[in-house]
Protein backbone atom coordinates (compact mmCIF):
# COMPACT_ATOMS: atom_id res chain seq x y z
CA UNK A 1 -5.56 -0.87 9.24
CA UNK A 2 -2.30 -2.45 8.07
CA UNK A 3 -0.29 -2.33 4.83
CA UNK A 4 0.48 -5.46 2.79
CA UNK A 5 2.61 -6.12 -0.28
CA UNK A 6 0.42 -8.23 -2.58
CA UNK A 7 3.17 -8.57 -5.19
CA UNK A 8 6.66 -7.12 -5.68
CA UNK A 9 5.40 -3.54 -6.15
CA UNK A 10 1.75 -3.22 -5.13
CA UNK A 11 0.70 -2.35 -1.58
CA UNK A 12 -2.82 -2.63 -0.21
CA UNK A 13 -4.27 -1.24 3.01
CA UNK A 14 -6.52 -3.74 4.75
CA UNK A 15 -7.39 -5.09 8.19
CA UNK A 16 -5.77 -8.47 7.39
CA UNK A 17 -3.66 -10.26 4.78
CA UNK A 18 -6.76 -12.17 3.65
CA UNK A 19 -8.66 -8.92 3.12
CA UNK A 20 -5.73 -7.45 1.16
CA UNK A 21 -5.65 -10.51 -1.10
CA UNK A 22 -9.43 -10.36 -1.65
CA UNK A 23 -9.32 -6.65 -2.50
CA UNK A 24 -6.40 -7.17 -4.90
CA UNK A 25 -8.28 -9.97 -6.65
CA UNK A 26 -11.45 -7.86 -6.83
CA UNK A 27 -9.52 -4.91 -8.32
CA UNK A 28 -7.34 -6.82 -10.78
CA UNK A 29 -9.14 -10.08 -11.49
CA UNK A 30 -5.91 -11.91 -10.63
CA UNK A 31 -5.45 -14.00 -7.51
CA UNK A 32 -2.68 -13.08 -5.09
CA UNK A 33 -0.88 -16.42 -5.43
CA UNK A 34 2.81 -15.57 -5.31
CA UNK A 35 4.77 -17.24 -2.55
CA UNK A 36 5.31 -14.97 0.48
CA UNK A 37 2.39 -12.66 -0.48
CA UNK A 38 0.50 -10.92 0.89
CA UNK A 39 3.19 -9.79 3.30
CA UNK A 40 2.68 -7.18 6.01
CA UNK A 41 5.08 -4.25 5.77
CA UNK A 42 7.56 -3.85 8.60
CA UNK A 43 7.84 -0.73 10.76
CA UNK A 44 11.06 0.14 8.91
CA UNK A 45 9.26 -0.05 5.55
CA UNK A 46 6.36 2.03 6.84
CA UNK A 47 8.67 4.71 8.25
CA UNK A 48 11.14 4.97 5.33
CA UNK A 49 11.17 8.35 3.62
CA UNK A 50 9.68 8.29 0.11
CA UNK A 51 9.09 11.09 -2.41
CA UNK A 52 5.70 12.76 -2.04
CA UNK A 53 3.46 13.03 -5.09
CA UNK A 54 0.45 15.24 -5.78
CA UNK A 55 -2.97 14.12 -7.00
CA UNK A 56 -1.61 14.10 -10.58
CA UNK A 57 1.26 11.77 -9.57
CA UNK A 58 3.87 14.50 -9.96
CA UNK A 59 6.69 14.86 -7.47
CA UNK A 60 6.13 17.69 -5.01
CA UNK A 61 9.73 18.00 -3.87
CA UNK A 62 8.70 16.95 -0.36
CA UNK A 63 8.93 13.55 1.28
CA UNK A 64 6.49 11.38 3.22
CA UNK A 65 6.22 7.83 4.56
CA UNK A 66 4.00 4.88 3.78
CA UNK A 67 2.73 5.17 7.36
CA UNK A 68 1.48 8.70 6.62
CA UNK A 69 -0.12 7.49 3.38
CA UNK A 70 -1.82 4.65 5.24
CA UNK A 71 -3.20 7.06 7.85
CA UNK A 72 -4.47 9.41 5.12
CA UNK A 73 -6.21 6.61 3.20
CA UNK A 74 -8.63 5.77 5.97
CA UNK A 75 -10.26 2.83 4.16
CA UNK A 76 -9.16 -0.46 2.60
CA UNK A 77 -7.72 -0.32 -0.90
CA UNK A 78 -4.58 0.17 -2.95
CA UNK A 79 -2.11 2.39 -1.15
CA UNK A 80 -1.05 5.30 -3.34
CA UNK A 81 1.00 7.99 -1.66
CA UNK A 82 -0.67 11.15 -2.94
CA UNK A 83 -0.83 13.05 0.35
């Protein structure tokens, strides 16, 4: 599975850009029509350190990466880093 920006802030995990766009549209009712989206995240973006959050979206004081979040998700959908 890969990670795709579907707009400036939202990231979806999906096998392909087309699947990410379809899932985004299914979830939001809005088509992914912005130029340059969906866009697959680069290795640098996947490996950048980001603050870790718990299941209540509170900072844990630890850090993680989008790559770790992607691996933890295990299925297509919006990528939220609550690992």
